Amino acid sequence: MKKIWIGIVIVIIVALTTVLITTQSKRESEKVKIGYMPYTSNLPIFIALEKGFFKEVGLEVEPIRFGSSKEAMDALLTGKIDAEGTIGLSTLFAIEAALSGQIKFYLPCVETEEKFSNYLLVRKDSGISTVEDLKGRKIGTYTGTTQLLYLRLLLKELNLDPTKDVKIVQVSPQLEIEAFGTGQFDALFTIEPAATIAIEKGIGGPLIKNPRGKYILSPFPAGAFPLSTKFLQEHHDKAKKIYRAIDKAIDFIKAHEDEAKRLVPKYTGLEDNIALKAGLYEWWKMDEIKLEPMQKLANMLYENGEVSVKLDVSKMVLTAEDLR
């Protein structure tokens, strides 16, 4: 009888332990919706999903793909998603100007001398080999007032009048490679992966690599991961976990860049060879953030009418204090 009772006790203990573990697992596995657009700037999200970094911090993530930054930010601000992948700083600054205090951003993606994703390309048959050769030519870029501003600033730095010396043509991002290939413009001011696609297809080559960093602002802060302040306040623990997982993913990218790039096609539809050759951004971790270039960019956008008020960028940056 003693052995029977010992067996029964063991079975009860095992059953209770299983229930406790299952209950604890369910409690710790919190569901969140994270939006993203199919760009390499969102590689940290792809890595965190594929390498299980979200699961490590107790998050069950539903990734939701968006086609535009407007769609993504509308979803974030209305609570349809909990977090969002990288959004251009120009967009985040415009939102802050219109809706002060509603967003914070973290882990900005930046272009440096070594890490960049922007090019000024010229067609192989254009006969353009110097900046002076651009006079009288058509220069294409993708749609958006900020991209148009960057191109105009670049041309001025190259001693070219953007209204007299060249003709600027804007097309949707989905059509820029096709338009470049069919000769609708002689040069193309663009970012990855369009630049590598054009080069790999033999359509054109770089006249200037990293023109934004060389002529507009260096380092060039391109975008960042936004959170709504409402989500940060109401779901503080989830916000901390999201940050920790993406932060760890950035460490992985720095240590295993080629392996990380191999995950890009799954989320972007890029061909493997394009994903491996396309340039990546650098991501600034919390202790690496430099406020000065981001403030300079905000000032530049304000002075050129892209942002309606002068901003204090330091108030927009997520800090360690925010995550305590």
C-alpha atoms as a PDB file:
ATOM      1  CA  MET A   1       0.000   0.000   0.000  1.00  0.00           C
ATOM      2  CA  LYS A   2       2.857   2.353   0.838  1.00  0.00           C
ATOM      3  CA  LYS A   3       4.272   1.976  -2.683  1.00  0.00           C
ATOM      4  CA  ILE A   4       0.836   2.617  -4.198  1.00  0.00           C
ATOM      5  CA  TRP A   5       0.416   5.823  -2.188  1.00  0.00           C
ATOM      6  CA  ILE A   6       3.890   6.991  -3.176  1.00  0.00           C
ATOM      7  CA  GLY A   7       2.992   6.365  -6.829  1.00  0.00           C
ATOM      8  CA  ILE A   8      -0.247   8.312  -6.478  1.00  0.00           C
ATOM      9  CA  VAL A   9       1.578  11.240  -4.865  1.00  0.00           C
ATOM     10  CA  ILE A  10       4.150  11.284  -7.660  1.00  0.00           C
ATOM     11  CA  VAL A  11       1.404  11.298 -10.308  1.00  0.00           C
ATOM     12  CA  ILE A  12      -0.351  14.195  -8.531  1.00  0.00           C
ATOM     13  CA  ILE A  13       2.879  16.179  -8.258  1.00  0.00           C
ATOM     14  CA  VAL A  14       3.679  15.642 -11.949  1.00  0.00           C
ATOM     15  CA  ALA A  15       0.137  16.665 -12.938  1.00  0.00           C
ATOM     16  CA  LEU A  16       0.224  19.815 -10.787  1.00  0.00           C
ATOM     17  CA  THR A  17       3.660  20.731 -12.101  1.00  0.00           C
ATOM     18  CA  THR A  18       2.454  20.352 -15.705  1.00  0.00           C
ATOM     19  CA  VAL A  19      -0.571  22.557 -15.019  1.00  0.00           C
ATOM     20  CA  LEU A  20       1.592  25.212 -13.365  1.00  0.00           C
ATOM     21  CA  ILE A  21       4.103  25.235 -16.227  1.00  0.00           C
ATOM     22  CA  THR A  22       1.340  25.437 -18.838  1.00  0.00           C
ATOM     23  CA  THR A  23      -0.425  28.223 -16.949  1.00  0.00           C
ATOM     24  CA  GLN A  24       2.815  30.149 -16.492  1.00  0.00           C
ATOM     25  CA  SER A  25       3.697  29.723 -20.188  1.00  0.00           C
ATOM     26  CA  LYS A  26       0.307  31.056 -21.256  1.00  0.00           C
ATOM     27  CA  ARG A  27       0.626  33.963 -18.846  1.00  0.00           C
ATOM     28  CA  GLU A  28       4.081  34.890 -20.129  1.00  0.00           C
ATOM     29  CA  SER A  29       3.264  34.496 -23.834  1.00  0.00           C
ATOM     30  CA  GLU A  30       1.606  37.816 -24.606  1.00  0.00           C
ATOM     31  CA  LYS A  31       0.191  38.482 -28.059  1.00  0.00           C
ATOM     32  CA  VAL A  32       1.253  41.611 -29.945  1.00  0.00           C
ATOM     33  CA  LYS A  33       0.766  42.850 -33.490  1.00  0.00           C
ATOM     34  CA  ILE A  34       3.830  44.361 -35.137  1.00  0.00           C
ATOM     35  CA  GLY A  35       3.604  46.088 -38.492  1.00  0.00           C
ATOM     36  CA  TYR A  36       6.357  46.251 -41.063  1.00  0.00           C
ATOM     37  CA  MET A  37       7.020  47.302 -44.633  1.00  0.00           C
ATOM     38  CA  PRO A  38       9.069  45.032 -46.938  1.00  0.00           C
ATOM     39  CA  TYR A  39      12.339  46.970 -46.644  1.00  0.00           C
ATOM     40  CA  THR A  40      15.802  45.961 -45.446  1.00  0.00           C
ATOM     41  CA  SER A  41      15.559  48.638 -42.735  1.00  0.00           C
ATOM     42  CA  ASN A  42      13.163  46.220 -40.992  1.00  0.00           C
ATOM     43  CA  LEU A  43      15.677  43.379 -40.939  1.00  0.00           C
ATOM     44  CA  PRO A  44      15.834  43.473 -37.097  1.00  0.00           C
ATOM     45  CA  ILE A  45      12.136  42.537 -36.959  1.00  0.00           C
ATOM     46  CA  PHE A  46      12.662  39.685 -39.425  1.00  0.00           C
ATOM     47  CA  ILE A  47      15.599  38.410 -37.364  1.00  0.00           C
ATOM     48  CA  ALA A  48      13.699  38.661 -34.077  1.00  0.00           C
ATOM     49  CA  LEU A  49      10.884  36.618 -35.618  1.00  0.00           C
ATOM     50  CA  GLU A  50      13.074  33.958 -37.231  1.00  0.00           C
ATOM     51  CA  LYS A  51      15.565  33.553 -34.381  1.00  0.00           C
ATOM     52  CA  GLY A  52      12.914  33.394 -31.680  1.00  0.00           C
ATOM     53  CA  PHE A  53      13.968  36.570 -29.875  1.00  0.00           C
ATOM     54  CA  PHE A  54      10.356  37.687 -29.409  1.00  0.00           C
ATOM     55  CA  LYS A  55       9.475  34.276 -27.945  1.00  0.00           C
ATOM     56  CA  GLU A  56      12.451  34.497 -25.587  1.00  0.00           C
ATOM     57  CA  VAL A  57      10.958  37.585 -23.953  1.00  0.00           C
ATOM     58  CA  GLY A  58       7.483  36.047 -23.795  1.00  0.00           C
ATOM     59  CA  LEU A  59       5.846  37.608 -26.849  1.00  0.00           C
ATOM     60  CA  GLU A  60       3.747  35.898 -29.493  1.00  0.00           C
ATOM     61  CA  VAL A  61       4.036  38.218 -32.506  1.00  0.00           C
ATOM     62  CA  GLU A  62       1.635  38.555 -35.394  1.00  0.00           C
ATOM     63  CA  PRO A  63       3.570  40.361 -38.165  1.00  0.00           C
ATOM     64  CA  ILE A  64       1.381  42.572 -40.355  1.00  0.00           C
ATOM     65  CA  ARG A  65       2.686  43.850 -43.677  1.00  0.00           C
ATOM     66  CA  PHE A  66       1.846  47.366 -44.876  1.00  0.00           C
ATOM     67  CA  GLY A  67       2.295  48.965 -48.269  1.00  0.00           C
ATOM     68  CA  SER A  68       2.970  52.530 -47.120  1.00  0.00           C
ATOM     69  CA  SER A  69       4.183  54.456 -44.102  1.00  0.00           C
ATOM     70  CA  LYS A  70       0.839  56.295 -43.936  1.00  0.00           C
ATOM     71  CA  GLU A  71      -1.056  53.024 -43.613  1.00  0.00           C
ATOM     72  CA  ALA A  72       1.363  51.782 -40.994  1.00  0.00           C
ATOM     73  CA  MET A  73       1.318  54.930 -38.864  1.00  0.00           C
ATOM     74  CA  ASP A  74      -2.478  55.211 -39.050  1.00  0.00           C
ATOM     75  CA  ALA A  75      -2.680  51.654 -37.704  1.00  0.00           C
ATOM     76  CA  LEU A  76      -0.166  52.415 -34.945  1.00  0.00           C
ATOM     77  CA  LEU A  77      -1.842  55.619 -33.775  1.00  0.00           C
ATOM     78  CA  THR A  78      -5.332  54.079 -33.780  1.00  0.00           C
ATOM     79  CA  GLY A  79      -4.192  50.997 -31.848  1.00  0.00           C
ATOM     80  CA  LYS A  80      -4.805  48.497 -34.646  1.00  0.00           C
ATOM     81  CA  ILE A  81      -1.192  47.355 -34.189  1.00  0.00           C
ATOM     82  CA  ASP A  82       1.005  47.531 -31.112  1.00  0.00           C
ATOM     83  CA  ALA A  83       4.316  48.433 -32.718  1.00  0.00           C
ATOM     84  CA  GLU A  84       5.728  49.257 -36.123  1.00  0.00           C
ATOM     85  CA  GLY A  85       8.941  48.683 -38.053  1.00  0.00           C
ATOM     86  CA  THR A  86      11.135  51.509 -39.246  1.00  0.00           C
ATOM     87  CA  ILE A  87       9.467  54.625 -40.572  1.00  0.00           C
ATOM     88  CA  GLY A  88      11.314  57.510 -42.241  1.00  0.00           C
ATOM     89  CA  LEU A  89      12.300  60.207 -39.766  1.00  0.00           C
ATOM     90  CA  SER A  90      10.774  62.833 -42.037  1.00  0.00           C
ATOM     91  CA  THR A  91       7.394  61.112 -41.565  1.00  0.00           C
ATOM     92  CA  LEU A  92       7.872  60.804 -37.790  1.00  0.00           C
ATOM     93  CA  PHE A  93       8.835  64.480 -37.563  1.00  0.00           C
ATOM     94  CA  ALA A  94       5.754  65.500 -39.558  1.00  0.00           C
ATOM     95  CA  ILE A  95       3.530  63.461 -37.211  1.00  0.00           C
ATOM     96  CA  GLU A  96       5.164  65.029 -34.157  1.00  0.00           C
ATOM     97  CA  ALA A  97       4.590  68.486 -35.609  1.00  0.00           C
ATOM     98  CA  ALA A  98       0.900  67.716 -36.134  1.00  0.00           C
ATOM     99  CA  LEU A  99       0.267  65.501 -33.071  1.00  0.00           C
ATOM    100  CA  SER A 100       2.778  66.549 -30.461  1.00  0.00           C
ATOM    101  CA  GLY A 101       3.802  63.940 -27.904  1.00  0.00           C
ATOM    102  CA  GLN A 102       1.998  60.937 -29.403  1.00  0.00           C
ATOM    103  CA  ILE A 103       5.045  58.948 -30.514  1.00  0.00           C
ATOM    104  CA  LYS A 104       8.495  57.964 -29.318  1.00  0.00           C
ATOM    105  CA  PHE A 105      11.121  56.347 -31.518  1.00  0.00           C
ATOM    106  CA  TYR A 106      14.047  54.031 -30.851  1.00  0.00           C
ATOM    107  CA  LEU A 107      16.945  52.231 -32.571  1.00  0.00           C
ATOM    108  CA  PRO A 108      17.255  54.656 -35.532  1.00  0.00           C
ATOM    109  CA  CYS A 109      18.683  53.314 -38.795  1.00  0.00           C
ATOM    110  CA  VAL A 110      21.503  55.474 -40.079  1.00  0.00           C
ATOM    111  CA  GLU A 111      23.720  55.803 -43.133  1.00  0.00           C
ATOM    112  CA  THR A 112      27.443  56.224 -42.497  1.00  0.00           C
ATOM    113  CA  GLU A 113      30.546  56.206 -44.696  1.00  0.00           C
ATOM    114  CA  GLU A 114      30.715  52.416 -44.400  1.00  0.00           C
ATOM    115  CA  LYS A 115      27.007  51.538 -44.199  1.00  0.00           C
ATOM    116  CA  PHE A 116      24.677  53.208 -46.682  1.00  0.00           C
ATOM    117  CA  SER A 117      21.819  52.388 -49.029  1.00  0.00           C
ATOM    118  CA  ASN A 118      21.430  55.445 -51.273  1.00  0.00           C
ATOM    119  CA  TYR A 119      22.878  56.065 -54.751  1.00  0.00           C
ATOM    120  CA  LEU A 120      22.809  58.420 -57.689  1.00  0.00           C
ATOM    121  CA  LEU A 121      22.812  56.031 -60.650  1.00  0.00           C
ATOM    122  CA  VAL A 122      23.224  56.777 -64.363  1.00  0.00           C
ATOM    123  CA  ARG A 123      22.141  54.666 -67.315  1.00  0.00           C
ATOM    124  CA  LYS A 124      24.872  52.644 -69.006  1.00  0.00           C
ATOM    125  CA  ASP A 125      24.138  54.267 -72.377  1.00  0.00           C
ATOM    126  CA  SER A 126      23.655  57.827 -71.064  1.00  0.00           C
ATOM    127  CA  GLY A 127      27.184  59.080 -71.694  1.00  0.00           C
ATOM    128  CA  ILE A 128      27.201  60.618 -68.202  1.00  0.00           C
ATOM    129  CA  SER A 129      30.506  60.194 -66.403  1.00  0.00           C
ATOM    130  CA  THR A 130      30.749  63.409 -64.351  1.00  0.00           C
ATOM    131  CA  VAL A 131      28.369  65.597 -62.366  1.00  0.00           C
ATOM    132  CA  GLU A 132      28.660  68.296 -65.049  1.00  0.00           C
ATOM    133  CA  ASP A 133      27.272  65.824 -67.584  1.00  0.00           C
ATOM    134  CA  LEU A 134      23.939  65.886 -65.720  1.00  0.00           C
ATOM    135  CA  LYS A 135      23.135  69.346 -67.094  1.00  0.00           C
ATOM    136  CA  GLY A 136      20.180  69.224 -69.460  1.00  0.00           C
ATOM    137  CA  ARG A 137      19.312  65.672 -68.417  1.00  0.00           C
ATOM    138  CA  LYS A 138      16.353  64.049 -66.662  1.00  0.00           C
ATOM    139  CA  ILE A 139      16.845  62.725 -63.129  1.00  0.00           C
ATOM    140  CA  GLY A 140      14.308  60.322 -61.688  1.00  0.00           C
ATOM    141  CA  THR A 141      13.408  59.483 -58.124  1.00  0.00           C
ATOM    142  CA  TYR A 142      10.515  57.893 -56.290  1.00  0.00           C
ATOM    143  CA  THR A 143       7.443  59.845 -55.232  1.00  0.00           C
ATOM    144  CA  GLY A 144       7.297  61.824 -52.007  1.00  0.00           C
ATOM    145  CA  THR A 145       7.924  65.438 -51.069  1.00  0.00           C
ATOM    146  CA  THR A 146      10.808  64.543 -48.753  1.00  0.00           C
ATOM    147  CA  GLN A 147      12.630  62.544 -51.425  1.00  0.00           C
ATOM    148  CA  LEU A 148      12.154  65.474 -53.805  1.00  0.00           C
ATOM    149  CA  LEU A 149      13.616  67.809 -51.185  1.00  0.00           C
ATOM    150  CA  TYR A 150      16.655  65.552 -50.684  1.00  0.00           C
ATOM    151  CA  LEU A 151      17.272  65.467 -54.435  1.00  0.00           C
ATOM    152  CA  ARG A 152      17.019  69.243 -54.717  1.00  0.00           C
ATOM    153  CA  LEU A 153      19.413  69.714 -51.788  1.00  0.00           C
ATOM    154  CA  LEU A 154      21.837  67.257 -53.381  1.00  0.00           C
ATOM    155  CA  LEU A 155      21.750  69.057 -56.732  1.00  0.00           C
ATOM    156  CA  LYS A 156      22.432  72.405 -55.076  1.00  0.00           C
ATOM    157  CA  GLU A 157      25.454  70.900 -53.314  1.00  0.00           C
ATOM    158  CA  LEU A 158      26.623  69.640 -56.710  1.00  0.00           C
ATOM    159  CA  ASN A 159      26.344  73.225 -58.066  1.00  0.00           C
ATOM    160  CA  LEU A 160      23.369  72.341 -60.231  1.00  0.00           C
ATOM    161  CA  ASP A 161      20.149  74.359 -60.292  1.00  0.00           C
ATOM    162  CA  PRO A 162      17.317  71.845 -59.669  1.00  0.00           C
ATOM    163  CA  THR A 163      14.847  73.965 -61.678  1.00  0.00           C
ATOM    164  CA  LYS A 164      17.061  75.087 -64.579  1.00  0.00           C
ATOM    165  CA  ASP A 165      19.925  72.656 -65.088  1.00  0.00           C
ATOM    166  CA  VAL A 166      17.969  69.372 -64.896  1.00  0.00           C
ATOM    167  CA  LYS A 167      14.438  68.049 -65.145  1.00  0.00           C
ATOM    168  CA  ILE A 168      13.247  66.007 -62.161  1.00  0.00           C
ATOM    169  CA  VAL A 169      10.823  63.132 -62.801  1.00  0.00           C
ATOM    170  CA  GLN A 170       9.078  61.331 -59.936  1.00  0.00           C
ATOM    171  CA  VAL A 171       7.496  57.898 -60.263  1.00  0.00           C
ATOM    172  CA  SER A 172       6.107  55.407 -57.745  1.00  0.00           C
ATOM    173  CA  PRO A 173       8.692  53.166 -56.033  1.00  0.00           C
ATOM    174  CA  GLN A 174       7.189  50.149 -57.827  1.00  0.00           C
ATOM    175  CA  LEU A 175       7.861  51.702 -61.243  1.00  0.00           C
ATOM    176  CA  GLU A 176      11.249  53.381 -60.832  1.00  0.00           C
ATOM    177  CA  ILE A 177      13.346  50.450 -62.118  1.00  0.00           C
ATOM    178  CA  GLU A 178      11.099  49.946 -65.143  1.00  0.00           C
ATOM    179  CA  ALA A 179      11.101  53.680 -65.910  1.00  0.00           C
ATOM    180  CA  PHE A 180      14.880  53.831 -65.555  1.00  0.00           C
ATOM    181  CA  GLY A 181      15.297  50.789 -67.789  1.00  0.00           C
ATOM    182  CA  THR A 182      13.103  52.208 -70.558  1.00  0.00           C
ATOM    183  CA  GLY A 183      14.994  55.501 -70.594  1.00  0.00           C
ATOM    184  CA  GLN A 184      12.348  57.771 -69.069  1.00  0.00           C
ATOM    185  CA  PHE A 185      15.234  59.459 -67.259  1.00  0.00           C
ATOM    186  CA  ASP A 186      19.012  59.397 -67.550  1.00  0.00           C
ATOM    187  CA  ALA A 187      19.874  59.238 -63.856  1.00  0.00           C
ATOM    188  CA  LEU A 188      18.137  57.821 -60.788  1.00  0.00           C
ATOM    189  CA  PHE A 189      18.393  59.008 -57.191  1.00  0.00           C
ATOM    190  CA  THR A 190      17.237  56.058 -55.112  1.00  0.00           C
ATOM    191  CA  ILE A 191      17.816  53.701 -52.198  1.00  0.00           C
ATOM    192  CA  GLU A 192      18.127  49.963 -51.696  1.00  0.00           C
ATOM    193  CA  PRO A 193      17.024  47.526 -52.931  1.00  0.00           C
ATOM    194  CA  ALA A 194      16.196  49.451 -56.132  1.00  0.00           C
ATOM    195  CA  ALA A 195      19.827  50.505 -56.561  1.00  0.00           C
ATOM    196  CA  THR A 196      21.225  46.961 -56.456  1.00  0.00           C
ATOM    197  CA  ILE A 197      18.422  45.681 -58.720  1.00  0.00           C
ATOM    198  CA  ALA A 198      19.277  48.323 -61.352  1.00  0.00           C
ATOM    199  CA  ILE A 199      22.987  47.547 -61.115  1.00  0.00           C
ATOM    200  CA  GLU A 200      22.508  43.752 -61.241  1.00  0.00           C
ATOM    201  CA  LYS A 201      20.205  44.032 -64.251  1.00  0.00           C
ATOM    202  CA  GLY A 202      22.832  46.065 -66.081  1.00  0.00           C
ATOM    203  CA  ILE A 203      20.575  49.099 -66.446  1.00  0.00           C
ATOM    204  CA  GLY A 204      22.972  51.524 -64.821  1.00  0.00           C
ATOM    205  CA  GLY A 205      25.829  52.091 -62.439  1.00  0.00           C
ATOM    206  CA  PRO A 206      26.672  54.497 -59.637  1.00  0.00           C
ATOM    207  CA  LEU A 207      27.761  58.027 -60.465  1.00  0.00           C
ATOM    208  CA  ILE A 208      27.844  58.779 -56.713  1.00  0.00           C
ATOM    209  CA  LYS A 209      27.649  56.256 -53.910  1.00  0.00           C
ATOM    210  CA  ASN A 210      26.076  57.523 -50.683  1.00  0.00           C
ATOM    211  CA  PRO A 211      25.209  61.015 -51.984  1.00  0.00           C
ATOM    212  CA  ARG A 212      23.026  61.780 -48.948  1.00  0.00           C
ATOM    213  CA  GLY A 213      25.914  61.148 -46.586  1.00  0.00           C
ATOM    214  CA  LYS A 214      28.505  62.911 -48.740  1.00  0.00           C
ATOM    215  CA  TYR A 215      26.543  66.032 -49.635  1.00  0.00           C
ATOM    216  CA  ILE A 216      23.511  66.465 -47.355  1.00  0.00           C
ATOM    217  CA  LEU A 217      24.257  65.194 -43.833  1.00  0.00           C
ATOM    218  CA  SER A 218      26.741  62.768 -42.311  1.00  0.00           C
ATOM    219  CA  PRO A 219      25.848  60.538 -40.630  1.00  0.00           C
ATOM    220  CA  PHE A 220      22.425  60.533 -42.299  1.00  0.00           C
ATOM    221  CA  PRO A 221      19.609  59.370 -39.977  1.00  0.00           C
ATOM    222  CA  ALA A 222      17.057  57.724 -42.261  1.00  0.00           C
ATOM    223  CA  GLY A 223      14.387  56.198 -40.019  1.00  0.00           C
ATOM    224  CA  ALA A 224      13.524  54.616 -36.667  1.00  0.00           C
ATOM    225  CA  PHE A 225      11.144  52.230 -34.903  1.00  0.00           C
ATOM    226  CA  PRO A 226       8.140  54.147 -33.496  1.00  0.00           C
ATOM    227  CA  LEU A 227       5.903  53.387 -30.531  1.00  0.00           C
ATOM    228  CA  SER A 228       2.806  55.324 -29.547  1.00  0.00           C
ATOM    229  CA  THR A 229       3.123  56.961 -26.126  1.00  0.00           C
ATOM    230  CA  LYS A 230      -0.333  55.565 -25.320  1.00  0.00           C
ATOM    231  CA  PHE A 231       0.903  51.990 -25.866  1.00  0.00           C
ATOM    232  CA  LEU A 232       4.057  52.763 -23.885  1.00  0.00           C
ATOM    233  CA  GLN A 233       1.980  53.942 -20.921  1.00  0.00           C
ATOM    234  CA  GLU A 234      -0.777  51.330 -21.041  1.00  0.00           C
ATOM    235  CA  HIS A 235       1.348  48.295 -21.999  1.00  0.00           C
ATOM    236  CA  HIS A 236       4.697  49.229 -20.537  1.00  0.00           C
ATOM    237  CA  ASP A 237       5.892  45.662 -20.025  1.00  0.00           C
ATOM    238  CA  LYS A 238       5.089  44.685 -23.615  1.00  0.00           C
ATOM    239  CA  ALA A 239       6.902  47.775 -24.896  1.00  0.00           C
ATOM    240  CA  LYS A 240      10.009  46.802 -22.937  1.00  0.00           C
ATOM    241  CA  LYS A 241       9.892  43.279 -24.340  1.00  0.00           C
ATOM    242  CA  ILE A 242       9.501  44.513 -27.919  1.00  0.00           C
ATOM    243  CA  TYR A 243      12.502  46.776 -27.452  1.00  0.00           C
ATOM    244  CA  ARG A 244      14.629  43.997 -25.933  1.00  0.00           C
ATOM    245  CA  ALA A 245      13.901  41.556 -28.776  1.00  0.00           C
ATOM    246  CA  ILE A 246      14.665  44.056 -31.560  1.00  0.00           C
ATOM    247  CA  ASP A 247      17.755  45.289 -29.725  1.00  0.00           C
ATOM    248  CA  LYS A 248      19.052  41.703 -29.547  1.00  0.00           C
ATOM    249  CA  ALA A 249      18.302  41.234 -33.261  1.00  0.00           C
ATOM    250  CA  ILE A 250      20.537  44.215 -34.083  1.00  0.00           C
ATOM    251  CA  ASP A 251      23.385  42.570 -32.158  1.00  0.00           C
ATOM    252  CA  PHE A 252      22.819  39.432 -34.250  1.00  0.00           C
ATOM    253  CA  ILE A 253      22.940  41.407 -37.520  1.00  0.00           C
ATOM    254  CA  LYS A 254      26.221  43.051 -36.524  1.00  0.00           C
ATOM    255  CA  ALA A 255      27.769  39.664 -35.750  1.00  0.00           C
ATOM    256  CA  HIS A 256      26.237  37.644 -38.632  1.00  0.00           C
ATOM    257  CA  GLU A 257      25.446  40.052 -41.481  1.00  0.00           C
ATOM    258  CA  ASP A 258      25.432  37.560 -44.355  1.00  0.00           C
ATOM    259  CA  GLU A 259      23.263  35.090 -42.447  1.00  0.00           C
ATOM    260  CA  ALA A 260      20.895  37.907 -41.543  1.00  0.00           C
ATOM    261  CA  LYS A 261      20.620  39.034 -45.170  1.00  0.00           C
ATOM    262  CA  ARG A 262      19.529  35.541 -46.195  1.00  0.00           C
ATOM    263  CA  LEU A 263      16.273  36.100 -44.296  1.00  0.00           C
ATOM    264  CA  VAL A 264      15.388  39.245 -46.261  1.00  0.00           C
ATOM    265  CA  PRO A 265      13.751  37.469 -49.275  1.00  0.00           C
ATOM    266  CA  LYS A 266      11.146  35.742 -47.070  1.00  0.00           C
ATOM    267  CA  TYR A 267       9.687  39.073 -45.973  1.00  0.00           C
ATOM    268  CA  THR A 268      10.409  41.318 -48.964  1.00  0.00           C
ATOM    269  CA  GLY A 269      10.160  39.114 -52.060  1.00  0.00           C
ATOM    270  CA  LEU A 270      13.682  40.059 -53.146  1.00  0.00           C
ATOM    271  CA  GLU A 271      15.788  37.535 -55.032  1.00  0.00           C
ATOM    272  CA  ASP A 272      18.509  35.923 -52.922  1.00  0.00           C
ATOM    273  CA  ASN A 273      21.403  37.443 -54.876  1.00  0.00           C
ATOM    274  CA  ILE A 274      19.914  40.954 -54.570  1.00  0.00           C
ATOM    275  CA  ALA A 275      19.344  40.569 -50.839  1.00  0.00           C
ATOM    276  CA  LEU A 276      22.948  39.454 -50.284  1.00  0.00           C
ATOM    277  CA  LYS A 277      24.428  42.339 -52.296  1.00  0.00           C
ATOM    278  CA  ALA A 278      22.148  45.156 -51.133  1.00  0.00           C
ATOM    279  CA  GLY A 279      23.612  47.575 -48.626  1.00  0.00           C
ATOM    280  CA  LEU A 280      22.355  47.678 -45.047  1.00  0.00           C
ATOM    281  CA  TYR A 281      21.873  50.524 -42.633  1.00  0.00           C
ATOM    282  CA  GLU A 282      23.593  50.873 -39.304  1.00  0.00           C
ATOM    283  CA  TRP A 283      21.261  50.858 -36.307  1.00  0.00           C
ATOM    284  CA  TRP A 284      22.054  53.050 -33.314  1.00  0.00           C
ATOM    285  CA  LYS A 285      21.458  51.307 -30.018  1.00  0.00           C
ATOM    286  CA  MET A 286      20.338  53.348 -27.034  1.00  0.00           C
ATOM    287  CA  ASP A 287      23.861  54.168 -25.840  1.00  0.00           C
ATOM    288  CA  GLU A 288      25.031  55.017 -29.384  1.00  0.00           C
ATOM    289  CA  ILE A 289      22.371  57.557 -30.376  1.00  0.00           C
ATOM    290  CA  LYS A 290      23.663  60.908 -31.595  1.00  0.00           C
ATOM    291  CA  LEU A 291      21.047  63.637 -31.261  1.00  0.00           C
ATOM    292  CA  GLU A 292      22.897  66.276 -33.294  1.00  0.00           C
ATOM    293  CA  PRO A 293      22.436  64.814 -36.813  1.00  0.00           C
ATOM    294  CA  MET A 294      18.784  63.985 -36.104  1.00  0.00           C
ATOM    295  CA  GLN A 295      18.170  67.515 -34.852  1.00  0.00           C
ATOM    296  CA  LYS A 296      19.943  68.910 -37.928  1.00  0.00           C
ATOM    297  CA  LEU A 297      17.662  66.856 -40.164  1.00  0.00           C
ATOM    298  CA  ALA A 298      14.557  68.088 -38.316  1.00  0.00           C
ATOM    299  CA  ASN A 299      15.777  71.685 -38.647  1.00  0.00           C
ATOM    300  CA  MET A 300      16.473  71.176 -42.346  1.00  0.00           C
ATOM    301  CA  LEU A 301      12.970  69.839 -42.939  1.00  0.00           C
ATOM    302  CA  TYR A 302      11.471  72.759 -41.013  1.00  0.00           C
ATOM    303  CA  GLU A 303      13.500  75.352 -42.912  1.00  0.00           C
ATOM    304  CA  ASN A 304      12.364  73.852 -46.210  1.00  0.00           C
ATOM    305  CA  GLY A 305       8.691  73.682 -45.265  1.00  0.00           C
ATOM    306  CA  GLU A 306       8.436  69.909 -44.842  1.00  0.00           C
ATOM    307  CA  VAL A 307       7.685  70.189 -41.116  1.00  0.00           C
ATOM    308  CA  SER A 308       5.302  72.850 -39.824  1.00  0.00           C
ATOM    309  CA  VAL A 309       7.025  73.620 -36.501  1.00  0.00           C
ATOM    310  CA  LYS A 310      10.562  73.532 -35.158  1.00  0.00           C
ATOM    311  CA  LEU A 311      11.007  70.335 -33.153  1.00  0.00           C
ATOM    312  CA  ASP A 312      13.058  69.268 -30.160  1.00  0.00           C
ATOM    313  CA  VAL A 313      14.098  65.778 -31.259  1.00  0.00           C
ATOM    314  CA  SER A 314      15.379  64.846 -27.788  1.00  0.00           C
ATOM    315  CA  LYS A 315      11.765  64.703 -26.590  1.00  0.00           C
ATOM    316  CA  MET A 316      10.919  62.110 -29.244  1.00  0.00           C
ATOM    317  CA  VAL A 317      13.706  59.624 -28.475  1.00  0.00           C
ATOM    318  CA  LEU A 318      12.882  56.630 -26.272  1.00  0.00           C
ATOM    319  CA  THR A 319      15.212  56.572 -23.271  1.00  0.00           C
ATOM    320  CA  ALA A 320      16.208  54.058 -20.625  1.00  0.00           C
ATOM    321  CA  GLU A 321      14.059  56.058 -18.207  1.00  0.00           C
ATOM    322  CA  ASP A 322      11.016  55.483 -20.437  1.00  0.00           C
ATOM    323  CA  LEU A 323      11.547  51.722 -20.198  1.00  0.00           C
ATOM    324  CA  ARG A 324      11.950  51.481 -16.422  1.00  0.00           C
END
